[in-house]
Amino acid sequence: MLTGQELLNRARSLSNRSEDEIARGCGYVGPSGRVLRKGFYKALVEAKGYKLPSSSSGGGGGTRGRQAEFKTRVHGNGNLLIGHACTRRLGLEPGQEFRIELRQDSRSIWLLPMNNEELKVAEVSADQAAKKDPG
């Protein structure tokens, strides 16, 4: 992979070709043959003299990755899905059964366990969700 002035010179000489061909010509190709565009563009910017902040994570680009969201939407088929993060936070186990009770007055959904163990009520309130996510 070319860097610095060598990269700029080669990119100029290949400027009549497509971006992928320029990147390939400068050596920005992964082991599987895929063009490494991000690395190529980053090297071009640095070769022009601009310093980019270095990321401590390898290839993460400073992003934090996926974060658990404690909100849901009604899907196109009308289903409401509650993800793994929510069920884990509530201490729910696979196979547990619940009766769903809809509370119109508070616009909330209650999950009531079907077995006769201790009655734990898991409430997801629409009012609480609206306060956290006004959009």
N, C-alpha and C. Protein backbone atom coordinates (compact mmCIF):
# COMPACT_ATOMS: atom_id res chain seq x y z
N MET A 1 0.84 -1.18 0.00
CA MET A 1 0.00 0.00 0.00
C MET A 1 0.88 1.24 0.00
N LEU A 2 0.64 2.06 -0.96
CA LEU A 2 1.43 3.28 -1.08
C LEU A 2 0.93 4.34 -0.10
N THR A 3 1.86 5.20 0.32
CA THR A 3 1.50 6.31 1.21
C THR A 3 2.27 7.55 0.77
N GLY A 4 1.86 8.67 1.32
CA GLY A 4 2.59 9.92 1.09
C GLY A 4 2.62 10.35 -0.36
N GLN A 5 3.77 10.89 -0.76
CA GLN A 5 3.92 11.43 -2.12
C GLN A 5 3.80 10.35 -3.18
N GLU A 6 4.28 9.13 -2.88
CA GLU A 6 4.14 8.02 -3.83
C GLU A 6 2.67 7.75 -4.14
N LEU A 7 1.83 7.79 -3.11
CA LEU A 7 0.39 7.57 -3.29
C LEU A 7 -0.21 8.66 -4.16
N LEU A 8 0.13 9.91 -3.87
CA LEU A 8 -0.41 11.03 -4.66
C LEU A 8 0.01 10.93 -6.13
N ASN A 9 1.28 10.60 -6.37
CA ASN A 9 1.77 10.49 -7.75
C ASN A 9 1.06 9.37 -8.51
N ARG A 10 0.91 8.21 -7.87
CA ARG A 10 0.25 7.07 -8.52
C ARG A 10 -1.23 7.39 -8.76
N ALA A 11 -1.89 8.02 -7.77
CA ALA A 11 -3.30 8.36 -7.92
C ALA A 11 -3.49 9.35 -9.07
N ARG A 12 -2.56 10.31 -9.21
CA ARG A 12 -2.63 11.27 -10.33
C ARG A 12 -2.46 10.56 -11.67
N SER A 13 -1.53 9.62 -11.72
CA SER A 13 -1.29 8.92 -12.99
C SER A 13 -2.46 8.02 -13.38
N LEU A 14 -3.25 7.59 -12.40
CA LEU A 14 -4.41 6.73 -12.68
C LEU A 14 -5.73 7.51 -12.65
N SER A 15 -5.66 8.83 -12.67
CA SER A 15 -6.85 9.66 -12.46
C SER A 15 -7.92 9.51 -13.54
N ASN A 16 -7.58 8.93 -14.68
CA ASN A 16 -8.58 8.73 -15.73
C ASN A 16 -9.36 7.42 -15.56
N ARG A 17 -9.11 6.69 -14.47
CA ARG A 17 -9.77 5.41 -14.21
C ARG A 17 -10.79 5.57 -13.08
N SER A 18 -11.52 4.49 -12.80
CA SER A 18 -12.52 4.53 -11.73
C SER A 18 -11.84 4.56 -10.36
N GLU A 19 -12.59 4.94 -9.34
CA GLU A 19 -12.03 5.02 -7.98
C GLU A 19 -11.51 3.66 -7.52
N ASP A 20 -12.25 2.60 -7.82
CA ASP A 20 -11.82 1.27 -7.41
C ASP A 20 -10.50 0.89 -8.09
N GLU A 21 -10.38 1.21 -9.37
CA GLU A 21 -9.14 0.89 -10.08
C GLU A 21 -7.96 1.70 -9.55
N ILE A 22 -8.21 2.94 -9.16
CA ILE A 22 -7.14 3.76 -8.58
C ILE A 22 -6.69 3.16 -7.25
N ALA A 23 -7.66 2.78 -6.40
CA ALA A 23 -7.33 2.19 -5.10
C ALA A 23 -6.57 0.88 -5.29
N ARG A 24 -7.01 0.05 -6.23
CA ARG A 24 -6.31 -1.20 -6.52
C ARG A 24 -4.88 -0.92 -7.01
N GLY A 25 -4.75 0.05 -7.89
CA GLY A 25 -3.43 0.39 -8.42
C GLY A 25 -2.47 0.90 -7.37
N CYS A 26 -3.02 1.45 -6.27
CA CYS A 26 -2.18 1.94 -5.18
C CYS A 26 -1.99 0.89 -4.09
N GLY A 27 -2.55 -0.31 -4.29
CA GLY A 27 -2.32 -1.40 -3.36
C GLY A 27 -3.34 -1.54 -2.25
N TYR A 28 -4.45 -0.85 -2.32
CA TYR A 28 -5.45 -0.91 -1.25
C TYR A 28 -6.48 -1.98 -1.55
N VAL A 29 -6.02 -3.24 -1.41
CA VAL A 29 -6.85 -4.41 -1.66
C VAL A 29 -6.67 -5.36 -0.48
N GLY A 30 -7.78 -5.87 0.05
CA GLY A 30 -7.72 -6.80 1.17
C GLY A 30 -7.35 -8.20 0.71
N PRO A 31 -7.17 -9.13 1.65
CA PRO A 31 -6.78 -10.50 1.31
C PRO A 31 -7.81 -11.22 0.44
N SER A 32 -9.07 -10.83 0.55
CA SER A 32 -10.12 -11.48 -0.25
C SER A 32 -10.30 -10.82 -1.61
N GLY A 33 -9.53 -9.76 -1.88
CA GLY A 33 -9.64 -9.06 -3.15
C GLY A 33 -10.56 -7.85 -3.11
N ARG A 34 -11.13 -7.58 -1.95
CA ARG A 34 -12.04 -6.44 -1.80
C ARG A 34 -11.23 -5.15 -1.72
N VAL A 35 -11.73 -4.09 -2.35
CA VAL A 35 -11.05 -2.79 -2.33
C VAL A 35 -11.24 -2.15 -0.96
N LEU A 36 -10.16 -1.69 -0.36
CA LEU A 36 -10.19 -1.06 0.96
C LEU A 36 -10.34 0.45 0.78
N ARG A 37 -11.56 0.87 0.47
CA ARG A 37 -11.80 2.28 0.16
C ARG A 37 -11.52 3.21 1.33
N LYS A 38 -11.98 2.83 2.52
CA LYS A 38 -11.79 3.72 3.67
C LYS A 38 -10.30 3.96 3.93
N GLY A 39 -9.51 2.90 3.90
CA GLY A 39 -8.08 3.05 4.09
C GLY A 39 -7.43 3.88 3.00
N PHE A 40 -7.91 3.70 1.77
CA PHE A 40 -7.38 4.45 0.64
C PHE A 40 -7.68 5.94 0.80
N TYR A 41 -8.94 6.26 1.10
CA TYR A 41 -9.31 7.67 1.27
C TYR A 41 -8.57 8.31 2.44
N LYS A 42 -8.44 7.56 3.53
CA LYS A 42 -7.73 8.09 4.70
C LYS A 42 -6.26 8.37 4.35
N ALA A 43 -5.64 7.45 3.61
CA ALA A 43 -4.24 7.64 3.21
C ALA A 43 -4.10 8.84 2.27
N LEU A 44 -5.08 9.05 1.38
CA LEU A 44 -5.04 10.21 0.49
C LEU A 44 -5.11 11.51 1.28
N VAL A 45 -6.01 11.56 2.26
CA VAL A 45 -6.16 12.77 3.07
C VAL A 45 -4.87 13.05 3.84
N GLU A 46 -4.28 12.01 4.43
CA GLU A 46 -3.03 12.19 5.18
C GLU A 46 -1.88 12.58 4.25
N ALA A 47 -1.88 12.04 3.03
CA ALA A 47 -0.83 12.39 2.06
C ALA A 47 -0.93 13.85 1.64
N LYS A 48 -2.12 14.40 1.69
CA LYS A 48 -2.32 15.82 1.36
C LYS A 48 -1.87 16.73 2.49
N GLY A 49 -1.55 16.15 3.67
CA GLY A 49 -1.03 16.95 4.77
C GLY A 49 -2.00 17.18 5.91
N TYR A 50 -3.17 16.59 5.85
CA TYR A 50 -4.14 16.74 6.94
C TYR A 50 -3.95 15.61 7.93
N LYS A 51 -3.89 15.96 9.20
CA LYS A 51 -3.74 14.95 10.25
C LYS A 51 -5.12 14.54 10.75
N LEU A 52 -5.38 13.25 10.71
CA LEU A 52 -6.64 12.72 11.21
C LEU A 52 -6.44 12.18 12.61
N PRO A 53 -7.45 12.28 13.47
CA PRO A 53 -7.31 11.71 14.81
C PRO A 53 -7.19 10.20 14.71
N SER A 54 -6.25 9.66 15.48
CA SER A 54 -6.05 8.21 15.46
C SER A 54 -7.06 7.57 16.39
N SER A 55 -7.59 6.43 15.97
CA SER A 55 -8.56 5.71 16.80
C SER A 55 -7.82 4.62 17.56
N SER A 56 -8.19 4.44 18.83
CA SER A 56 -7.52 3.42 19.64
C SER A 56 -8.00 2.03 19.28
N SER A 57 -9.26 1.91 18.80
CA SER A 57 -9.77 0.60 18.42
C SER A 57 -9.34 0.28 17.00
N GLY A 58 -9.11 -0.98 16.73
CA GLY A 58 -8.65 -1.37 15.40
C GLY A 58 -9.77 -1.35 14.38
N GLY A 59 -9.80 -0.33 13.54
CA GLY A 59 -10.79 -0.25 12.48
C GLY A 59 -12.14 0.25 12.91
N GLY A 60 -12.29 0.61 14.17
CA GLY A 60 -13.59 1.07 14.65
C GLY A 60 -13.91 2.48 14.23
N GLY A 61 -12.91 3.26 13.93
CA GLY A 61 -13.14 4.62 13.49
C GLY A 61 -13.72 5.50 14.58
N GLY A 62 -13.56 5.13 15.84
CA GLY A 62 -14.04 5.96 16.93
C GLY A 62 -15.49 5.72 17.29
N THR A 63 -16.15 4.78 16.63
CA THR A 63 -17.55 4.50 16.97
C THR A 63 -17.59 3.60 18.19
N ARG A 64 -18.70 3.66 18.89
CA ARG A 64 -18.84 2.87 20.11
C ARG A 64 -19.44 1.50 19.84
N GLY A 65 -19.84 1.22 18.64
CA GLY A 65 -20.46 -0.07 18.35
C GLY A 65 -21.94 -0.04 18.68
N ARG A 66 -22.53 -1.19 18.76
CA ARG A 66 -23.96 -1.27 19.01
C ARG A 66 -24.24 -1.06 20.49
N GLN A 67 -25.25 -0.29 20.77
CA GLN A 67 -25.67 -0.01 22.14
C GLN A 67 -27.10 -0.50 22.31
N ALA A 68 -27.41 -1.02 23.49
CA ALA A 68 -28.77 -1.48 23.77
C ALA A 68 -29.71 -0.29 23.83
N GLU A 69 -30.86 -0.45 23.18
CA GLU A 69 -31.89 0.58 23.22
C GLU A 69 -33.07 0.02 23.99
N PHE A 70 -33.58 0.79 24.91
CA PHE A 70 -34.73 0.35 25.68
C PHE A 70 -35.97 1.05 25.17
N LYS A 71 -36.21 0.89 23.86
CA LYS A 71 -37.41 1.41 23.24
C LYS A 71 -37.81 0.45 22.14
N THR A 72 -39.04 0.53 21.69
CA THR A 72 -39.52 -0.35 20.64
C THR A 72 -40.49 0.40 19.75
N ARG A 73 -40.82 -0.19 18.62
CA ARG A 73 -41.78 0.38 17.67
C ARG A 73 -42.75 -0.72 17.26
N VAL A 74 -43.90 -0.31 16.81
CA VAL A 74 -44.84 -1.27 16.24
C VAL A 74 -44.37 -1.54 14.81
N HIS A 75 -44.16 -2.82 14.50
CA HIS A 75 -43.68 -3.20 13.18
C HIS A 75 -44.81 -3.13 12.16
N GLY A 76 -44.47 -3.22 10.89
CA GLY A 76 -45.45 -3.13 9.81
C GLY A 76 -46.54 -4.18 9.89
N ASN A 77 -46.22 -5.35 10.47
CA ASN A 77 -47.22 -6.40 10.59
C ASN A 77 -48.04 -6.27 11.88
N GLY A 78 -47.82 -5.20 12.64
CA GLY A 78 -48.58 -4.97 13.87
C GLY A 78 -47.95 -5.54 15.12
N ASN A 79 -46.84 -6.26 14.98
CA ASN A 79 -46.19 -6.85 16.15
C ASN A 79 -45.36 -5.83 16.90
N LEU A 80 -45.23 -6.07 18.18
CA LEU A 80 -44.40 -5.26 19.05
C LEU A 80 -43.30 -6.18 19.58
N LEU A 81 -42.04 -5.83 19.36
CA LEU A 81 -40.93 -6.70 19.73
C LEU A 81 -40.15 -6.07 20.87
N ILE A 82 -39.90 -6.87 21.90
CA ILE A 82 -39.06 -6.44 23.01
C ILE A 82 -37.79 -7.27 22.94
N GLY A 83 -36.65 -6.63 22.89
CA GLY A 83 -35.39 -7.31 22.64
C GLY A 83 -34.77 -7.97 23.86
N HIS A 84 -33.64 -8.62 23.60
CA HIS A 84 -32.90 -9.38 24.61
C HIS A 84 -32.47 -8.50 25.78
N ALA A 85 -32.05 -7.28 25.50
CA ALA A 85 -31.58 -6.40 26.58
C ALA A 85 -32.68 -6.14 27.59
N CYS A 86 -33.90 -5.94 27.11
CA CYS A 86 -35.03 -5.68 28.02
C CYS A 86 -35.39 -6.93 28.82
N THR A 87 -35.46 -8.08 28.15
CA THR A 87 -35.84 -9.30 28.87
C THR A 87 -34.77 -9.68 29.89
N ARG A 88 -33.51 -9.47 29.56
CA ARG A 88 -32.44 -9.76 30.51
C ARG A 88 -32.52 -8.82 31.71
N ARG A 89 -32.80 -7.53 31.43
CA ARG A 89 -32.88 -6.54 32.51
C ARG A 89 -34.02 -6.87 33.48
N LEU A 90 -35.11 -7.44 32.94
CA LEU A 90 -36.24 -7.82 33.79
C LEU A 90 -36.05 -9.19 34.44
N GLY A 91 -35.00 -9.90 34.09
CA GLY A 91 -34.74 -11.21 34.67
C GLY A 91 -35.63 -12.30 34.11
N LEU A 92 -36.09 -12.15 32.88
CA LEU A 92 -36.97 -13.13 32.26
C LEU A 92 -36.16 -14.25 31.66
N GLU A 93 -36.71 -15.47 31.70
CA GLU A 93 -36.04 -16.65 31.19
C GLU A 93 -36.81 -17.21 30.00
N PRO A 94 -36.12 -17.88 29.07
CA PRO A 94 -36.82 -18.51 27.95
C PRO A 94 -37.85 -19.51 28.44
N GLY A 95 -39.01 -19.50 27.84
CA GLY A 95 -40.08 -20.42 28.21
C GLY A 95 -41.08 -19.85 29.21
N GLN A 96 -40.75 -18.76 29.87
CA GLN A 96 -41.70 -18.16 30.80
C GLN A 96 -42.91 -17.66 30.03
N GLU A 97 -44.10 -17.82 30.63
CA GLU A 97 -45.33 -17.38 29.98
C GLU A 97 -45.95 -16.26 30.78
N PHE A 98 -46.54 -15.31 30.07
CA PHE A 98 -47.14 -14.13 30.69
C PHE A 98 -48.51 -13.87 30.09
N ARG A 99 -49.36 -13.30 30.92
CA ARG A 99 -50.63 -12.77 30.44
C ARG A 99 -50.38 -11.29 30.20
N ILE A 100 -50.81 -10.81 29.03
CA ILE A 100 -50.60 -9.41 28.68
C ILE A 100 -51.85 -8.63 29.06
N GLU A 101 -51.65 -7.62 29.87
CA GLU A 101 -52.76 -6.76 30.29
C GLU A 101 -52.49 -5.35 29.78
N LEU A 102 -53.45 -4.82 29.03
CA LEU A 102 -53.32 -3.47 28.48
C LEU A 102 -54.07 -2.51 29.38
N ARG A 103 -53.39 -1.50 29.88
CA ARG A 103 -53.99 -0.49 30.75
C ARG A 103 -54.26 0.76 29.93
N GLN A 104 -55.51 1.00 29.60
CA GLN A 104 -55.88 2.15 28.77
C GLN A 104 -55.65 3.47 29.50
N ASP A 105 -55.93 3.50 30.82
CA ASP A 105 -55.80 4.76 31.56
C ASP A 105 -54.36 5.27 31.59
N SER A 106 -53.39 4.39 31.75
CA SER A 106 -51.99 4.81 31.80
C SER A 106 -51.24 4.52 30.49
N ARG A 107 -51.95 3.96 29.51
CA ARG A 107 -51.34 3.60 28.22
C ARG A 107 -50.08 2.76 28.44
N SER A 108 -50.22 1.70 29.22
CA SER A 108 -49.08 0.85 29.53
C SER A 108 -49.43 -0.60 29.26
N ILE A 109 -48.39 -1.41 29.13
CA ILE A 109 -48.53 -2.84 28.90
C ILE A 109 -47.96 -3.54 30.13
N TRP A 110 -48.77 -4.42 30.73
CA TRP A 110 -48.31 -5.17 31.90
C TRP A 110 -48.13 -6.62 31.50
N LEU A 111 -47.02 -7.22 31.94
CA LEU A 111 -46.78 -8.64 31.75
C LEU A 111 -46.99 -9.33 33.09
N LEU A 112 -48.00 -10.17 33.17
CA LEU A 112 -48.32 -10.87 34.41
C LEU A 112 -47.97 -12.34 34.25
N PRO A 113 -47.11 -12.90 35.13
CA PRO A 113 -46.70 -14.30 35.00
C PRO A 113 -47.90 -15.24 35.08
N MET A 114 -47.88 -16.28 34.24
CA MET A 114 -48.97 -17.25 34.21
C MET A 114 -48.88 -18.23 35.38
N ASN A 115 -47.67 -18.52 35.87
CA ASN A 115 -47.55 -19.46 36.98
C ASN A 115 -47.90 -18.75 38.29
N ASN A 116 -48.03 -19.50 39.36
CA ASN A 116 -48.47 -18.92 40.63
C ASN A 116 -47.30 -18.54 41.53
N GLU A 117 -46.15 -18.30 40.95
CA GLU A 117 -45.03 -17.83 41.77
C GLU A 117 -45.31 -16.40 42.18
N GLU A 118 -44.31 -15.77 42.78
CA GLU A 118 -44.50 -14.39 43.21
C GLU A 118 -44.92 -13.54 42.02
N LEU A 119 -45.83 -12.64 42.25
CA LEU A 119 -46.38 -11.81 41.19
C LEU A 119 -45.49 -10.61 40.97
N LYS A 120 -44.71 -10.66 39.90
CA LYS A 120 -43.87 -9.52 39.54
C LYS A 120 -44.49 -8.89 38.32
N VAL A 121 -44.68 -7.59 38.38
CA VAL A 121 -45.30 -6.89 37.27
C VAL A 121 -44.22 -6.10 36.54
N ALA A 122 -44.07 -6.39 35.27
CA ALA A 122 -43.13 -5.65 34.43
C ALA A 122 -43.93 -4.65 33.62
N GLU A 123 -43.71 -3.38 33.88
CA GLU A 123 -44.51 -2.35 33.23
C GLU A 123 -43.65 -1.54 32.27
N VAL A 124 -44.15 -1.39 31.07
CA VAL A 124 -43.52 -0.53 30.07
C VAL A 124 -44.55 0.54 29.77
N SER A 125 -44.30 1.73 30.26
CA SER A 125 -45.28 2.81 30.14
C SER A 125 -45.00 3.67 28.92
N ALA A 126 -46.04 3.98 28.17
CA ALA A 126 -45.90 4.86 27.01
C ALA A 126 -45.54 6.26 27.44
N ASP A 127 -46.02 6.69 28.60
CA ASP A 127 -45.70 8.03 29.10
C ASP A 127 -44.21 8.14 29.42
N GLN A 128 -43.63 7.09 30.03
CA GLN A 128 -42.21 7.11 30.35
C GLN A 128 -41.38 7.13 29.07
N ALA A 129 -41.79 6.37 28.07
CA ALA A 129 -41.06 6.33 26.81
C ALA A 129 -41.13 7.68 26.11
N ALA A 130 -42.27 8.36 26.21
CA ALA A 130 -42.41 9.66 25.56
C ALA A 130 -41.51 10.71 26.22
N LYS A 131 -41.32 10.60 27.54
CA LYS A 131 -40.45 11.55 28.23
C LYS A 131 -39.00 11.38 27.80
N LYS A 132 -38.58 10.10 27.59
CA LYS A 132 -37.20 9.83 27.21
C LYS A 132 -36.94 10.12 25.75
N ASP A 133 -37.95 9.85 24.88
CA ASP A 133 -37.77 10.01 23.43
C ASP A 133 -38.91 10.86 22.89
N PRO A 134 -38.76 12.20 22.90
CA PRO A 134 -39.85 13.07 22.48
C PRO A 134 -40.15 12.98 20.99
N GLY A 135 -39.23 12.45 20.17
CA GLY A 135 -39.42 12.39 18.72
C GLY A 135 -40.11 11.20 18.31
